[in-house]
Amino acid sequence: MRDIGSGPGGCLPVAIEVMTAYTDSADDPGFFWTSVQRVMADGADRADPAAAVAELVLGLSTLCGITLDHLAERAGPDSGPRDVLAAIQRAYVAEPPP
């Protein structure tokens, strides 16, 4: 994983790698799991494993934010990232938050 000194963008390559494995694993779910295990093992081998996990979370969060912005733009001028999140929640989460 890259050093986050360059900001959240420095964490994007690993996040994109993990999510690419996810999208490519429809025929072989083990492919995604293998990719996640390799990324986690690489992070565990670093001098600061906790920082590696934090960088992965930051990268995935940044990628999620970018994706939400793109989806909101395509949904129309009256839609924002919160609207996209609300639609995802309605579609995939059984219970709404309090």
PDB file of N, CA and C in Angstrom:
ATOM      1  N   MET A   1       0.834  -1.177   0.000  1.00  0.00           N
ATOM      2  CA  MET A   1       0.000   0.000   0.000  1.00  0.00           C
ATOM      3  C   MET A   1       0.878   1.240   0.000  1.00  0.00           C
ATOM      4  N   ARG A   2       0.340   2.297  -0.561  1.00  0.00           N
ATOM      5  CA  ARG A   2       1.092   3.539  -0.638  1.00  0.00           C
ATOM      6  C   ARG A   2       0.959   4.336   0.646  1.00  0.00           C
ATOM      7  N   ASP A   3       1.877   5.263   0.822  1.00  0.00           N
ATOM      8  CA  ASP A   3       1.847   6.166   1.967  1.00  0.00           C
ATOM      9  C   ASP A   3       0.724   7.181   1.758  1.00  0.00           C
ATOM     10  N   ILE A   4      -0.083   7.442   2.789  1.00  0.00           N
ATOM     11  CA  ILE A   4      -1.184   8.376   2.631  1.00  0.00           C
ATOM     12  C   ILE A   4      -0.740   9.823   2.734  1.00  0.00           C
ATOM     13  N   GLY A   5       0.567  10.055   2.763  1.00  0.00           N
ATOM     14  CA  GLY A   5       1.063  11.420   2.775  1.00  0.00           C
ATOM     15  C   GLY A   5       0.573  12.213   1.576  1.00  0.00           C
ATOM     16  N   SER A   6       0.218  11.522   0.504  1.00  0.00           N
ATOM     17  CA  SER A   6      -0.295  12.196  -0.683  1.00  0.00           C
ATOM     18  C   SER A   6      -1.807  12.382  -0.608  1.00  0.00           C
ATOM     19  N   GLY A   7      -2.411  12.080   0.529  1.00  0.00           N
ATOM     20  CA  GLY A   7      -3.849  12.247   0.711  1.00  0.00           C
ATOM     21  C   GLY A   7      -4.601  10.980   0.348  1.00  0.00           C
ATOM     22  N   PRO A   8      -5.942  11.063   0.381  1.00  0.00           N
ATOM     23  CA  PRO A   8      -6.750   9.885   0.098  1.00  0.00           C
ATOM     24  C   PRO A   8      -6.455   9.266  -1.264  1.00  0.00           C
ATOM     25  N   GLY A   9      -6.067  10.096  -2.235  1.00  0.00           N
ATOM     26  CA  GLY A   9      -5.759   9.569  -3.562  1.00  0.00           C
ATOM     27  C   GLY A   9      -4.636   8.552  -3.544  1.00  0.00           C
ATOM     28  N   GLY A  10      -3.727   8.664  -2.583  1.00  0.00           N
ATOM     29  CA  GLY A  10      -2.634   7.706  -2.469  1.00  0.00           C
ATOM     30  C   GLY A  10      -3.099   6.325  -2.063  1.00  0.00           C
ATOM     31  N   CYS A  11      -4.298   6.243  -1.489  1.00  0.00           N
ATOM     32  CA  CYS A  11      -4.852   4.959  -1.056  1.00  0.00           C
ATOM     33  C   CYS A  11      -5.736   4.314  -2.122  1.00  0.00           C
ATOM     34  N   LEU A  12      -6.049   5.051  -3.171  1.00  0.00           N
ATOM     35  CA  LEU A  12      -6.975   4.536  -4.177  1.00  0.00           C
ATOM     36  C   LEU A  12      -6.487   3.307  -4.945  1.00  0.00           C
ATOM     37  N   PRO A  13      -5.208   3.185  -5.307  1.00  0.00           N
ATOM     38  CA  PRO A  13      -4.817   2.016  -6.100  1.00  0.00           C
ATOM     39  C   PRO A  13      -5.173   0.672  -5.455  1.00  0.00           C
ATOM     40  N   VAL A  14      -4.953   0.522  -4.171  1.00  0.00           N
ATOM     41  CA  VAL A  14      -5.273  -0.749  -3.508  1.00  0.00           C
ATOM     42  C   VAL A  14      -6.784  -0.937  -3.437  1.00  0.00           C
ATOM     43  N   ALA A  15      -7.518   0.135  -3.151  1.00  0.00           N
ATOM     44  CA  ALA A  15      -8.977   0.041  -3.102  1.00  0.00           C
ATOM     45  C   ALA A  15      -9.535  -0.345  -4.467  1.00  0.00           C
ATOM     46  N   ILE A  16      -8.995   0.252  -5.514  1.00  0.00           N
ATOM     47  CA  ILE A  16      -9.444  -0.087  -6.867  1.00  0.00           C
ATOM     48  C   ILE A  16      -9.100  -1.536  -7.194  1.00  0.00           C
ATOM     49  N   GLU A  17      -7.941  -1.983  -6.760  1.00  0.00           N
ATOM     50  CA  GLU A  17      -7.548  -3.383  -6.981  1.00  0.00           C
ATOM     51  C   GLU A  17      -8.539  -4.339  -6.318  1.00  0.00           C
ATOM     52  N   VAL A  18      -8.900  -4.057  -5.065  1.00  0.00           N
ATOM     53  CA  VAL A  18      -9.834  -4.918  -4.333  1.00  0.00           C
ATOM     54  C   VAL A  18     -11.210  -4.906  -4.999  1.00  0.00           C
ATOM     55  N   MET A  19     -11.683  -3.726  -5.375  1.00  0.00           N
ATOM     56  CA  MET A  19     -13.006  -3.645  -5.974  1.00  0.00           C
ATOM     57  C   MET A  19     -13.031  -4.200  -7.397  1.00  0.00           C
ATOM     58  N   THR A  20     -11.921  -4.115  -8.110  1.00  0.00           N
ATOM     59  CA  THR A  20     -11.837  -4.752  -9.423  1.00  0.00           C
ATOM     60  C   THR A  20     -11.934  -6.264  -9.262  1.00  0.00           C
ATOM     61  N   ALA A  21     -11.272  -6.796  -8.258  1.00  0.00           N
ATOM     62  CA  ALA A  21     -11.377  -8.233  -7.981  1.00  0.00           C
ATOM     63  C   ALA A  21     -12.823  -8.601  -7.662  1.00  0.00           C
ATOM     64  N   TYR A  22     -13.524  -7.732  -6.931  1.00  0.00           N
ATOM     65  CA  TYR A  22     -14.932  -7.979  -6.606  1.00  0.00           C
ATOM     66  C   TYR A  22     -15.769  -8.045  -7.887  1.00  0.00           C
ATOM     67  N   THR A  23     -15.575  -7.062  -8.773  1.00  0.00           N
ATOM     68  CA  THR A  23     -16.379  -7.043  -9.996  1.00  0.00           C
ATOM     69  C   THR A  23     -16.023  -8.188 -10.932  1.00  0.00           C
ATOM     70  N   ASP A  24     -14.800  -8.675 -10.853  1.00  0.00           N
ATOM     71  CA  ASP A  24     -14.357  -9.765 -11.725  1.00  0.00           C
ATOM     72  C   ASP A  24     -14.599 -11.149 -11.128  1.00  0.00           C
ATOM     73  N   SER A  25     -15.230 -11.216  -9.962  1.00  0.00           N
ATOM     74  CA  SER A  25     -15.356 -12.506  -9.277  1.00  0.00           C
ATOM     75  C   SER A  25     -16.727 -13.153  -9.419  1.00  0.00           C
ATOM     76  N   ALA A  26     -17.545 -12.684 -10.343  1.00  0.00           N
ATOM     77  CA  ALA A  26     -18.884 -13.262 -10.499  1.00  0.00           C
ATOM     78  C   ALA A  26     -18.817 -14.764 -10.788  1.00  0.00           C
ATOM     79  N   ASP A  27     -17.877 -15.169 -11.621  1.00  0.00           N
ATOM     80  CA  ASP A  27     -17.749 -16.588 -11.958  1.00  0.00           C
ATOM     81  C   ASP A  27     -16.886 -17.357 -10.969  1.00  0.00           C
ATOM     82  N   ASP A  28     -16.076 -16.636 -10.203  1.00  0.00           N
ATOM     83  CA  ASP A  28     -15.159 -17.276  -9.252  1.00  0.00           C
ATOM     84  C   ASP A  28     -15.057 -16.426  -7.987  1.00  0.00           C
ATOM     85  N   PRO A  29     -15.996 -16.595  -7.029  1.00  0.00           N
ATOM     86  CA  PRO A  29     -15.963 -15.793  -5.802  1.00  0.00           C
ATOM     87  C   PRO A  29     -14.651 -15.916  -5.040  1.00  0.00           C
ATOM     88  N   GLY A  30     -13.942 -17.010  -5.209  1.00  0.00           N
ATOM     89  CA  GLY A  30     -12.661 -17.188  -4.541  1.00  0.00           C
ATOM     90  C   GLY A  30     -11.620 -16.182  -4.997  1.00  0.00           C
ATOM     91  N   PHE A  31     -11.770 -15.665  -6.213  1.00  0.00           N
ATOM     92  CA  PHE A  31     -10.831 -14.678  -6.743  1.00  0.00           C
ATOM     93  C   PHE A  31     -10.834 -13.414  -5.879  1.00  0.00           C
ATOM     94  N   PHE A  32     -12.025 -12.948  -5.500  1.00  0.00           N
ATOM     95  CA  PHE A  32     -12.135 -11.768  -4.637  1.00  0.00           C
ATOM     96  C   PHE A  32     -11.498 -12.049  -3.279  1.00  0.00           C
ATOM     97  N   TRP A  33     -11.828 -13.185  -2.692  1.00  0.00           N
ATOM     98  CA  TRP A  33     -11.300 -13.525  -1.374  1.00  0.00           C
ATOM     99  C   TRP A  33      -9.781 -13.617  -1.404  1.00  0.00           C
ATOM    100  N   THR A  34      -9.231 -14.196  -2.446  1.00  0.00           N
ATOM    101  CA  THR A  34      -7.778 -14.302  -2.584  1.00  0.00           C
ATOM    102  C   THR A  34      -7.142 -12.921  -2.666  1.00  0.00           C
ATOM    103  N   SER A  35      -7.772 -12.025  -3.395  1.00  0.00           N
ATOM    104  CA  SER A  35      -7.257 -10.659  -3.523  1.00  0.00           C
ATOM    105  C   SER A  35      -7.269  -9.944  -2.175  1.00  0.00           C
ATOM    106  N   VAL A  36      -8.372 -10.068  -1.440  1.00  0.00           N
ATOM    107  CA  VAL A  36      -8.468  -9.429  -0.120  1.00  0.00           C
ATOM    108  C   VAL A  36      -7.408 -10.000   0.821  1.00  0.00           C
ATOM    109  N   GLN A  37      -7.238 -11.315   0.808  1.00  0.00           N
ATOM    110  CA  GLN A  37      -6.229 -11.937   1.671  1.00  0.00           C
ATOM    111  C   GLN A  37      -4.824 -11.440   1.336  1.00  0.00           C
ATOM    112  N   ARG A  38      -4.523 -11.294   0.047  1.00  0.00           N
ATOM    113  CA  ARG A  38      -3.198 -10.816  -0.352  1.00  0.00           C
ATOM    114  C   ARG A  38      -2.975  -9.377   0.103  1.00  0.00           C
ATOM    115  N   VAL A  39      -3.985  -8.524  -0.082  1.00  0.00           N
ATOM    116  CA  VAL A  39      -3.867  -7.126   0.349  1.00  0.00           C
ATOM    117  C   VAL A  39      -3.671  -7.058   1.861  1.00  0.00           C
ATOM    118  N   MET A  40      -4.429  -7.858   2.600  1.00  0.00           N
ATOM    119  CA  MET A  40      -4.304  -7.847   4.059  1.00  0.00           C
ATOM    120  C   MET A  40      -2.946  -8.399   4.494  1.00  0.00           C
ATOM    121  N   ALA A  41      -2.462  -9.438   3.829  1.00  0.00           N
ATOM    122  CA  ALA A  41      -1.144  -9.996   4.161  1.00  0.00           C
ATOM    123  C   ALA A  41      -0.039  -8.990   3.861  1.00  0.00           C
ATOM    124  N   ASP A  42      -0.162  -8.280   2.736  1.00  0.00           N
ATOM    125  CA  ASP A  42       0.821  -7.234   2.418  1.00  0.00           C
ATOM    126  C   ASP A  42       0.834  -6.167   3.507  1.00  0.00           C
ATOM    127  N   GLY A  43      -0.350  -5.778   3.965  1.00  0.00           N
ATOM    128  CA  GLY A  43      -0.440  -4.773   5.023  1.00  0.00           C
ATOM    129  C   GLY A  43       0.117  -5.274   6.341  1.00  0.00           C
ATOM    130  N   ALA A  44      -0.120  -6.552   6.643  1.00  0.00           N
ATOM    131  CA  ALA A  44       0.380  -7.129   7.897  1.00  0.00           C
ATOM    132  C   ALA A  44       1.898  -7.189   7.922  1.00  0.00           C
ATOM    133  N   ASP A  45       2.510  -7.259   6.750  1.00  0.00           N
ATOM    134  CA  ASP A  45       3.972  -7.312   6.663  1.00  0.00           C
ATOM    135  C   ASP A  45       4.628  -5.939   6.785  1.00  0.00           C
ATOM    136  N   ARG A  46       3.843  -4.897   6.793  1.00  0.00           N
ATOM    137  CA  ARG A  46       4.404  -3.549   6.899  1.00  0.00           C
ATOM    138  C   ARG A  46       4.816  -3.248   8.334  1.00  0.00           C
ATOM    139  N   ALA A  47       5.604  -2.208   8.491  1.00  0.00           N
ATOM    140  CA  ALA A  47       6.075  -1.818   9.827  1.00  0.00           C
ATOM    141  C   ALA A  47       4.911  -1.444  10.736  1.00  0.00           C
ATOM    142  N   ASP A  48       3.846  -0.880  10.166  1.00  0.00           N
ATOM    143  CA  ASP A  48       2.680  -0.467  10.945  1.00  0.00           C
ATOM    144  C   ASP A  48       1.421  -1.065  10.305  1.00  0.00           C
ATOM    145  N   PRO A  49       1.075  -2.305  10.673  1.00  0.00           N
ATOM    146  CA  PRO A  49      -0.085  -2.965  10.065  1.00  0.00           C
ATOM    147  C   PRO A  49      -1.398  -2.207  10.271  1.00  0.00           C
ATOM    148  N   ALA A  50      -1.544  -1.557  11.422  1.00  0.00           N
ATOM    149  CA  ALA A  50      -2.777  -0.803  11.670  1.00  0.00           C
ATOM    150  C   ALA A  50      -2.922   0.340  10.671  1.00  0.00           C
ATOM    151  N   ALA A  51      -1.815   0.981  10.333  1.00  0.00           N
ATOM    152  CA  ALA A  51      -1.852   2.056   9.341  1.00  0.00           C
ATOM    153  C   ALA A  51      -2.243   1.504   7.975  1.00  0.00           C
ATOM    154  N   ALA A  52      -1.791   0.300   7.659  1.00  0.00           N
ATOM    155  CA  ALA A  52      -2.143  -0.321   6.381  1.00  0.00           C
ATOM    156  C   ALA A  52      -3.649  -0.554   6.295  1.00  0.00           C
ATOM    157  N   VAL A  53      -4.246  -1.029   7.380  1.00  0.00           N
ATOM    158  CA  VAL A  53      -5.694  -1.245   7.404  1.00  0.00           C
ATOM    159  C   VAL A  53      -6.417   0.095   7.292  1.00  0.00           C
ATOM    160  N   ALA A  54      -5.925   1.099   8.010  1.00  0.00           N
ATOM    161  CA  ALA A  54      -6.531   2.430   7.940  1.00  0.00           C
ATOM    162  C   ALA A  54      -6.457   2.984   6.520  1.00  0.00           C
ATOM    163  N   GLU A  55      -5.340   2.765   5.842  1.00  0.00           N
ATOM    164  CA  GLU A  55      -5.194   3.230   4.462  1.00  0.00           C
ATOM    165  C   GLU A  55      -6.175   2.521   3.541  1.00  0.00           C
ATOM    166  N   LEU A  56      -6.383   1.228   3.754  1.00  0.00           N
ATOM    167  CA  LEU A  56      -7.344   0.486   2.941  1.00  0.00           C
ATOM    168  C   LEU A  56      -8.752   1.027   3.168  1.00  0.00           C
ATOM    169  N   VAL A  57      -9.113   1.256   4.426  1.00  0.00           N
ATOM    170  CA  VAL A  57     -10.435   1.806   4.737  1.00  0.00           C
ATOM    171  C   VAL A  57     -10.586   3.194   4.117  1.00  0.00           C
ATOM    172  N   LEU A  58      -9.565   4.036   4.236  1.00  0.00           N
ATOM    173  CA  LEU A  58      -9.612   5.372   3.642  1.00  0.00           C
ATOM    174  C   LEU A  58      -9.750   5.276   2.123  1.00  0.00           C
ATOM    175  N   GLY A  59      -9.003   4.372   1.511  1.00  0.00           N
ATOM    176  CA  GLY A  59      -9.095   4.197   0.062  1.00  0.00           C
ATOM    177  C   GLY A  59     -10.473   3.737  -0.376  1.00  0.00           C
ATOM    178  N   LEU A  60     -11.039   2.759   0.342  1.00  0.00           N
ATOM    179  CA  LEU A  60     -12.377   2.273   0.004  1.00  0.00           C
ATOM    180  C   LEU A  60     -13.428   3.356   0.231  1.00  0.00           C
ATOM    181  N   SER A  61     -13.271   4.142   1.299  1.00  0.00           N
ATOM    182  CA  SER A  61     -14.203   5.240   1.567  1.00  0.00           C
ATOM    183  C   SER A  61     -14.115   6.308   0.488  1.00  0.00           C
ATOM    184  N   THR A  62     -12.898   6.633   0.079  1.00  0.00           N
ATOM    185  CA  THR A  62     -12.704   7.623  -0.978  1.00  0.00           C
ATOM    186  C   THR A  62     -13.320   7.132  -2.283  1.00  0.00           C
ATOM    187  N   LEU A  63     -13.074   5.875  -2.610  1.00  0.00           N
ATOM    188  CA  LEU A  63     -13.642   5.297  -3.825  1.00  0.00           C
ATOM    189  C   LEU A  63     -15.167   5.302  -3.766  1.00  0.00           C
ATOM    190  N   CYS A  64     -15.714   4.994  -2.610  1.00  0.00           N
ATOM    191  CA  CYS A  64     -17.165   5.010  -2.422  1.00  0.00           C
ATOM    192  C   CYS A  64     -17.714   6.421  -2.636  1.00  0.00           C
ATOM    193  N   GLY A  65     -17.047   7.419  -2.075  1.00  0.00           N
ATOM    194  CA  GLY A  65     -17.483   8.806  -2.243  1.00  0.00           C
ATOM    195  C   GLY A  65     -17.458   9.240  -3.698  1.00  0.00           C
ATOM    196  N   ILE A  66     -16.397   8.888  -4.399  1.00  0.00           N
ATOM    197  CA  ILE A  66     -16.290   9.215  -5.823  1.00  0.00           C
ATOM    198  C   ILE A  66     -17.425   8.549  -6.602  1.00  0.00           C
ATOM    199  N   THR A  67     -17.672   7.285  -6.289  1.00  0.00           N
ATOM    200  CA  THR A  67     -18.729   6.541  -6.969  1.00  0.00           C
ATOM    201  C   THR A  67     -20.094   7.150  -6.687  1.00  0.00           C
ATOM    202  N   LEU A  68     -20.355   7.516  -5.438  1.00  0.00           N
ATOM    203  CA  LEU A  68     -21.632   8.150  -5.090  1.00  0.00           C
ATOM    204  C   LEU A  68     -21.819   9.454  -5.852  1.00  0.00           C
ATOM    205  N   ASP A  69     -20.766  10.251  -5.948  1.00  0.00           N
ATOM    206  CA  ASP A  69     -20.853  11.510  -6.690  1.00  0.00           C
ATOM    207  C   ASP A  69     -21.198  11.254  -8.156  1.00  0.00           C
ATOM    208  N   HIS A  70     -20.549  10.269  -8.764  1.00  0.00           N
ATOM    209  CA  HIS A  70     -20.825   9.950 -10.168  1.00  0.00           C
ATOM    210  C   HIS A  70     -22.253   9.440 -10.351  1.00  0.00           C
ATOM    211  N   LEU A  71     -22.706   8.575  -9.449  1.00  0.00           N
ATOM    212  CA  LEU A  71     -24.074   8.065  -9.541  1.00  0.00           C
ATOM    213  C   LEU A  71     -25.091   9.185  -9.362  1.00  0.00           C
ATOM    214  N   ALA A  72     -24.830  10.092  -8.433  1.00  0.00           N
ATOM    215  CA  ALA A  72     -25.742  11.211  -8.200  1.00  0.00           C
ATOM    216  C   ALA A  72     -25.810  12.115  -9.432  1.00  0.00           C
ATOM    217  N   GLU A  73     -24.672  12.372 -10.058  1.00  0.00           N
ATOM    218  CA  GLU A  73     -24.661  13.195 -11.273  1.00  0.00           C
ATOM    219  C   GLU A  73     -25.504  12.557 -12.369  1.00  0.00           C
ATOM    220  N   ARG A  74     -25.425  11.251 -12.491  1.00  0.00           N
ATOM    221  CA  ARG A  74     -26.171  10.553 -13.543  1.00  0.00           C
ATOM    222  C   ARG A  74     -27.651  10.414 -13.207  1.00  0.00           C
ATOM    223  N   ALA A  75     -27.992  10.499 -11.929  1.00  0.00           N
ATOM    224  CA  ALA A  75     -29.387  10.363 -11.516  1.00  0.00           C
ATOM    225  C   ALA A  75     -30.193  11.617 -11.830  1.00  0.00           C
ATOM    226  N   GLY A  76     -29.520  12.735 -12.011  1.00  0.00           N
ATOM    227  CA  GLY A  76     -30.218  13.968 -12.365  1.00  0.00           C
ATOM    228  C   GLY A  76     -29.862  15.114 -11.447  1.00  0.00           C
ATOM    229  N   PRO A  77     -30.260  16.317 -11.847  1.00  0.00           N
ATOM    230  CA  PRO A  77     -29.863  17.518 -11.103  1.00  0.00           C
ATOM    231  C   PRO A  77     -30.459  17.611  -9.697  1.00  0.00           C
ATOM    232  N   ASP A  78     -31.545  16.918  -9.449  1.00  0.00           N
ATOM    233  CA  ASP A  78     -32.174  16.983  -8.125  1.00  0.00           C
ATOM    234  C   ASP A  78     -31.701  15.881  -7.192  1.00  0.00           C
ATOM    235  N   SER A  79     -30.728  15.094  -7.616  1.00  0.00           N
ATOM    236  CA  SER A  79     -30.216  13.997  -6.790  1.00  0.00           C
ATOM    237  C   SER A  79     -28.809  14.297  -6.314  1.00  0.00           C
ATOM    238  N   GLY A  80     -28.548  13.919  -5.080  1.00  0.00           N
ATOM    239  CA  GLY A  80     -27.216  14.062  -4.518  1.00  0.00           C
ATOM    240  C   GLY A  80     -26.758  12.736  -3.945  1.00  0.00           C
ATOM    241  N   PRO A  81     -25.528  12.691  -3.438  1.00  0.00           N
ATOM    242  CA  PRO A  81     -25.015  11.448  -2.858  1.00  0.00           C
ATOM    243  C   PRO A  81     -25.908  10.875  -1.753  1.00  0.00           C
ATOM    244  N   ARG A  82     -26.518  11.753  -0.938  1.00  0.00           N
ATOM    245  CA  ARG A  82     -27.398  11.249   0.130  1.00  0.00           C
ATOM    246  C   ARG A  82     -28.620  10.533  -0.450  1.00  0.00           C
ATOM    247  N   ASP A  83     -29.120  11.025  -1.588  1.00  0.00           N
ATOM    248  CA  ASP A  83     -30.256  10.372  -2.239  1.00  0.00           C
ATOM    249  C   ASP A  83     -29.864   8.978  -2.730  1.00  0.00           C
ATOM    250  N   VAL A  84     -28.661   8.871  -3.273  1.00  0.00           N
ATOM    251  CA  VAL A  84     -28.167   7.571  -3.731  1.00  0.00           C
ATOM    252  C   VAL A  84     -28.031   6.623  -2.544  1.00  0.00           C
ATOM    253  N   LEU A  85     -27.459   7.113  -1.439  1.00  0.00           N
ATOM    254  CA  LEU A  85     -27.334   6.274  -0.240  1.00  0.00           C
ATOM    255  C   LEU A  85     -28.697   5.833   0.274  1.00  0.00           C
ATOM    256  N   ALA A  86     -29.667   6.743   0.264  1.00  0.00           N
ATOM    257  CA  ALA A  86     -31.014   6.392   0.726  1.00  0.00           C
ATOM    258  C   ALA A  86     -31.619   5.300  -0.159  1.00  0.00           C
ATOM    259  N   ALA A  87     -31.411   5.393  -1.469  1.00  0.00           N
ATOM    260  CA  ALA A  87     -31.927   4.368  -2.379  1.00  0.00           C
ATOM    261  C   ALA A  87     -31.250   3.024  -2.130  1.00  0.00           C
ATOM    262  N   ILE A  88     -29.950   3.041  -1.887  1.00  0.00           N
ATOM    263  CA  ILE A  88     -29.225   1.800  -1.579  1.00  0.00           C
ATOM    264  C   ILE A  88     -29.746   1.205  -0.279  1.00  0.00           C
ATOM    265  N   GLN A  89     -29.969   2.061   0.707  1.00  0.00           N
ATOM    266  CA  GLN A  89     -30.478   1.578   1.987  1.00  0.00           C
ATOM    267  C   GLN A  89     -31.850   0.934   1.812  1.00  0.00           C
ATOM    268  N   ARG A  90     -32.727   1.584   1.065  1.00  0.00           N
ATOM    269  CA  ARG A  90     -34.064   1.016   0.838  1.00  0.00           C
ATOM    270  C   ARG A  90     -33.980  -0.329   0.114  1.00  0.00           C
ATOM    271  N   ALA A  91     -33.044  -0.446  -0.807  1.00  0.00           N
ATOM    272  CA  ALA A  91     -32.947  -1.667  -1.605  1.00  0.00           C
ATOM    273  C   ALA A  91     -32.255  -2.822  -0.883  1.00  0.00           C
ATOM    274  N   TYR A  92     -31.294  -2.507  -0.004  1.00  0.00           N
ATOM    275  CA  TYR A  92     -30.442  -3.576   0.536  1.00  0.00           C
ATOM    276  C   TYR A  92     -30.447  -3.731   2.057  1.00  0.00           C
ATOM    277  N   VAL A  93     -30.957  -2.759   2.779  1.00  0.00           N
ATOM    278  CA  VAL A  93     -30.930  -2.828   4.243  1.00  0.00           C
ATOM    279  C   VAL A  93     -32.354  -3.035   4.742  1.00  0.00           C
ATOM    280  N   ALA A  94     -32.536  -4.057   5.561  1.00  0.00           N
ATOM    281  CA  ALA A  94     -33.877  -4.416   6.023  1.00  0.00           C
ATOM    282  C   ALA A  94     -34.499  -3.358   6.924  1.00  0.00           C
ATOM    283  N   GLU A  95     -33.709  -2.808   7.832  1.00  0.00           N
ATOM    284  CA  GLU A  95     -34.260  -1.856   8.789  1.00  0.00           C
ATOM    285  C   GLU A  95     -33.608  -0.491   8.611  1.00  0.00           C
ATOM    286  N   PRO A  96     -34.429   0.567   8.486  1.00  0.00           N
ATOM    287  CA  PRO A  96     -33.842   1.905   8.390  1.00  0.00           C
ATOM    288  C   PRO A  96     -33.250   2.323   9.733  1.00  0.00           C
ATOM    289  N   PRO A  97     -32.276   3.224   9.700  1.00  0.00           N
ATOM    290  CA  PRO A  97     -31.684   3.679  10.969  1.00  0.00           C
ATOM    291  C   PRO A  97     -32.701   4.480  11.769  1.00  0.00           C
ATOM    292  N   PRO A  98     -32.504   4.567  13.086  1.00  0.00           N
ATOM    293  CA  PRO A  98     -33.470   5.307  13.925  1.00  0.00           C
ATOM    294  C   PRO A  98     -33.482   6.783  13.605  1.00  0.00           C
TER     295      PRO A  98
END
